[in-house]
């Protein structure tokens, strides 16, 4: 099983409703339609990895037309990171303050 496929399975177990797009991105359901969130897998064909999230980045974009769209994305990204940590996909918990998360 590739890292991409294993990540799809684990994100589904974490109730993030993953949807694969082509061979590198896995989109997840945001809290509402104003967010686009996806995981980008650096080497989707990799068949061995020390930790499932190695080489995987989370991108969260807000579709708000506001000067506060970055804050919105940071808050949602923090919530997703907390969910990933609770599911055992992240070893380190996200920072306590959501404002410390990079958009």
C-alpha atoms as a PDB file:
ATOM      1  CA  UNK A   1       0.000   0.000   0.000  1.00  0.00           C
ATOM      2  CA  UNK A   2       1.294   3.457  -0.853  1.00  0.00           C
ATOM      3  CA  UNK A   3       1.519   6.332   1.603  1.00  0.00           C
ATOM      4  CA  UNK A   4      -1.229   8.114  -0.339  1.00  0.00           C
ATOM      5  CA  UNK A   5      -3.623   5.168  -0.001  1.00  0.00           C
ATOM      6  CA  UNK A   6      -2.765   4.626   3.674  1.00  0.00           C
ATOM      7  CA  UNK A   7      -3.420   8.295   4.385  1.00  0.00           C
ATOM      8  CA  UNK A   8      -6.827   8.065   2.674  1.00  0.00           C
ATOM      9  CA  UNK A   9      -7.764   5.166   4.956  1.00  0.00           C
ATOM     10  CA  UNK A  10      -6.597   6.904   8.141  1.00  0.00           C
ATOM     11  CA  UNK A  11      -8.293  10.209   7.286  1.00  0.00           C
ATOM     12  CA  UNK A  12     -11.521   8.305   6.725  1.00  0.00           C
ATOM     13  CA  UNK A  13     -11.125   6.661  10.153  1.00  0.00           C
ATOM     14  CA  UNK A  14     -10.667  10.151  11.632  1.00  0.00           C
ATOM     15  CA  UNK A  15     -14.049  11.179  10.133  1.00  0.00           C
ATOM     16  CA  UNK A  16     -12.541  13.781   7.813  1.00  0.00           C
ATOM     17  CA  UNK A  17     -14.375  12.450   4.723  1.00  0.00           C
ATOM     18  CA  UNK A  18     -11.316  12.404   2.409  1.00  0.00           C
ATOM     19  CA  UNK A  19     -11.686  12.705  -1.344  1.00  0.00           C
ATOM     20  CA  UNK A  20      -8.685  12.039  -3.548  1.00  0.00           C
ATOM     21  CA  UNK A  21      -7.886  14.363  -6.399  1.00  0.00           C
ATOM     22  CA  UNK A  22      -5.569  13.003  -9.036  1.00  0.00           C
ATOM     23  CA  UNK A  23      -2.571  11.366  -7.401  1.00  0.00           C
ATOM     24  CA  UNK A  24      -1.216  13.946  -4.977  1.00  0.00           C
ATOM     25  CA  UNK A  25      -4.022  15.759  -3.190  1.00  0.00           C
ATOM     26  CA  UNK A  26      -6.533  14.564  -0.647  1.00  0.00           C
ATOM     27  CA  UNK A  27      -9.332  17.038   0.028  1.00  0.00           C
ATOM     28  CA  UNK A  28     -11.213  16.963   3.308  1.00  0.00           C
ATOM     29  CA  UNK A  29     -14.552  18.373   4.228  1.00  0.00           C
ATOM     30  CA  UNK A  30     -14.318  21.763   5.882  1.00  0.00           C
ATOM     31  CA  UNK A  31     -16.789  22.993   8.472  1.00  0.00           C
ATOM     32  CA  UNK A  32     -18.667  24.810   5.735  1.00  0.00           C
ATOM     33  CA  UNK A  33     -18.284  25.888   2.128  1.00  0.00           C
ATOM     34  CA  UNK A  34     -16.045  28.860   2.908  1.00  0.00           C
ATOM     35  CA  UNK A  35     -12.975  26.648   3.384  1.00  0.00           C
ATOM     36  CA  UNK A  36     -10.857  24.605   1.010  1.00  0.00           C
ATOM     37  CA  UNK A  37      -8.639  22.122   2.860  1.00  0.00           C
ATOM     38  CA  UNK A  38      -6.385  19.472   1.387  1.00  0.00           C
ATOM     39  CA  UNK A  39      -3.308  17.383   2.090  1.00  0.00           C
ATOM     40  CA  UNK A  40      -0.501  17.416  -0.431  1.00  0.00           C
ATOM     41  CA  UNK A  41       1.590  14.235  -0.456  1.00  0.00           C
ATOM     42  CA  UNK A  42       5.151  14.851  -1.646  1.00  0.00           C
ATOM     43  CA  UNK A  43       5.772  11.296  -2.905  1.00  0.00           C
ATOM     44  CA  UNK A  44       2.400   9.572  -3.256  1.00  0.00           C
ATOM     45  CA  UNK A  45       3.906   6.307  -4.549  1.00  0.00           C
ATOM     46  CA  UNK A  46       6.192   5.847  -1.536  1.00  0.00           C
ATOM     47  CA  UNK A  47       5.622   2.454   0.059  1.00  0.00           C
ATOM     48  CA  UNK A  48       7.590   2.874   3.269  1.00  0.00           C
ATOM     49  CA  UNK A  49       7.675   5.779   5.693  1.00  0.00           C
ATOM     50  CA  UNK A  50       8.720   6.280   9.315  1.00  0.00           C
ATOM     51  CA  UNK A  51       5.503   8.153  10.135  1.00  0.00           C
ATOM     52  CA  UNK A  52       2.408   8.409   7.962  1.00  0.00           C
ATOM     53  CA  UNK A  53       2.430  12.222   7.917  1.00  0.00           C
ATOM     54  CA  UNK A  54       6.085  12.480   6.778  1.00  0.00           C
ATOM     55  CA  UNK A  55       6.225  14.493   3.557  1.00  0.00           C
ATOM     56  CA  UNK A  56       2.558  15.517   3.873  1.00  0.00           C
ATOM     57  CA  UNK A  57       1.472  19.148   4.149  1.00  0.00           C
ATOM     58  CA  UNK A  58      -1.935  20.522   5.084  1.00  0.00           C
ATOM     59  CA  UNK A  59      -3.207  23.499   3.109  1.00  0.00           C
ATOM     60  CA  UNK A  60      -6.225  25.458   4.302  1.00  0.00           C
ATOM     61  CA  UNK A  61      -7.589  28.395   2.350  1.00  0.00           C
ATOM     62  CA  UNK A  62     -10.478  30.624   3.264  1.00  0.00           C
ATOM     63  CA  UNK A  63     -12.845  31.781   0.553  1.00  0.00           C
ATOM     64  CA  UNK A  64     -13.947  34.751   2.634  1.00  0.00           C
ATOM     65  CA  UNK A  65     -13.666  38.060   0.826  1.00  0.00           C
ATOM     66  CA  UNK A  66     -12.424  39.821   3.905  1.00  0.00           C
ATOM     67  CA  UNK A  67      -9.241  41.083   5.479  1.00  0.00           C
ATOM     68  CA  UNK A  68      -9.867  38.421   8.159  1.00  0.00           C
ATOM     69  CA  UNK A  69      -9.683  35.443   5.765  1.00  0.00           C
ATOM     70  CA  UNK A  70      -6.213  34.439   7.026  1.00  0.00           C
ATOM     71  CA  UNK A  71      -7.522  34.359  10.609  1.00  0.00           C
ATOM     72  CA  UNK A  72     -10.423  32.203   9.457  1.00  0.00           C
ATOM     73  CA  UNK A  73      -8.042  29.755   7.753  1.00  0.00           C
ATOM     74  CA  UNK A  74      -5.770  29.639  10.817  1.00  0.00           C
ATOM     75  CA  UNK A  75      -8.674  28.794  13.117  1.00  0.00           C
ATOM     76  CA  UNK A  76      -9.927  26.022  10.861  1.00  0.00           C
ATOM     77  CA  UNK A  77      -6.423  24.637  10.354  1.00  0.00           C
ATOM     78  CA  UNK A  78      -5.969  24.539  14.140  1.00  0.00           C
ATOM     79  CA  UNK A  79      -9.223  22.569  14.512  1.00  0.00           C
ATOM     80  CA  UNK A  80      -8.109  20.085  11.838  1.00  0.00           C
ATOM     81  CA  UNK A  81      -4.705  19.660  13.504  1.00  0.00           C
ATOM     82  CA  UNK A  82      -6.438  18.940  16.829  1.00  0.00           C
ATOM     83  CA  UNK A  83      -8.579  16.302  15.136  1.00  0.00           C
ATOM     84  CA  UNK A  84      -5.500  14.719  13.505  1.00  0.00           C
ATOM     85  CA  UNK A  85      -3.702  14.623  16.852  1.00  0.00           C
ATOM     86  CA  UNK A  86      -6.728  13.068  18.582  1.00  0.00           C
ATOM     87  CA  UNK A  87      -6.818  10.386  15.858  1.00  0.00           C
ATOM     88  CA  UNK A  88      -3.124   9.594  16.456  1.00  0.00           C
ATOM     89  CA  UNK A  89      -1.947  10.906  13.088  1.00  0.00           C
ATOM     90  CA  UNK A  90       0.186  13.661  14.618  1.00  0.00           C
ATOM     91  CA  UNK A  91       2.708  12.932  17.353  1.00  0.00           C
ATOM     92  CA  UNK A  92       2.915  16.526  18.564  1.00  0.00           C
ATOM     93  CA  UNK A  93      -0.251  18.369  19.554  1.00  0.00           C
ATOM     94  CA  UNK A  94      -0.986  21.687  17.872  1.00  0.00           C
ATOM     95  CA  UNK A  95      -0.221  24.847  19.847  1.00  0.00           C
ATOM     96  CA  UNK A  96      -2.805  25.766  22.482  1.00  0.00           C
ATOM     97  CA  UNK A  97      -3.351  29.169  20.873  1.00  0.00           C
ATOM     98  CA  UNK A  98      -4.872  28.897  17.385  1.00  0.00           C
ATOM     99  CA  UNK A  99      -3.155  32.148  16.395  1.00  0.00           C
ATOM    100  CA  UNK A 100       0.205  30.344  16.555  1.00  0.00           C
ATOM    101  CA  UNK A 101      -0.767  28.155  13.582  1.00  0.00           C
ATOM    102  CA  UNK A 102       0.680  29.301  10.266  1.00  0.00           C
ATOM    103  CA  UNK A 103      -1.931  29.763   7.542  1.00  0.00           C
END
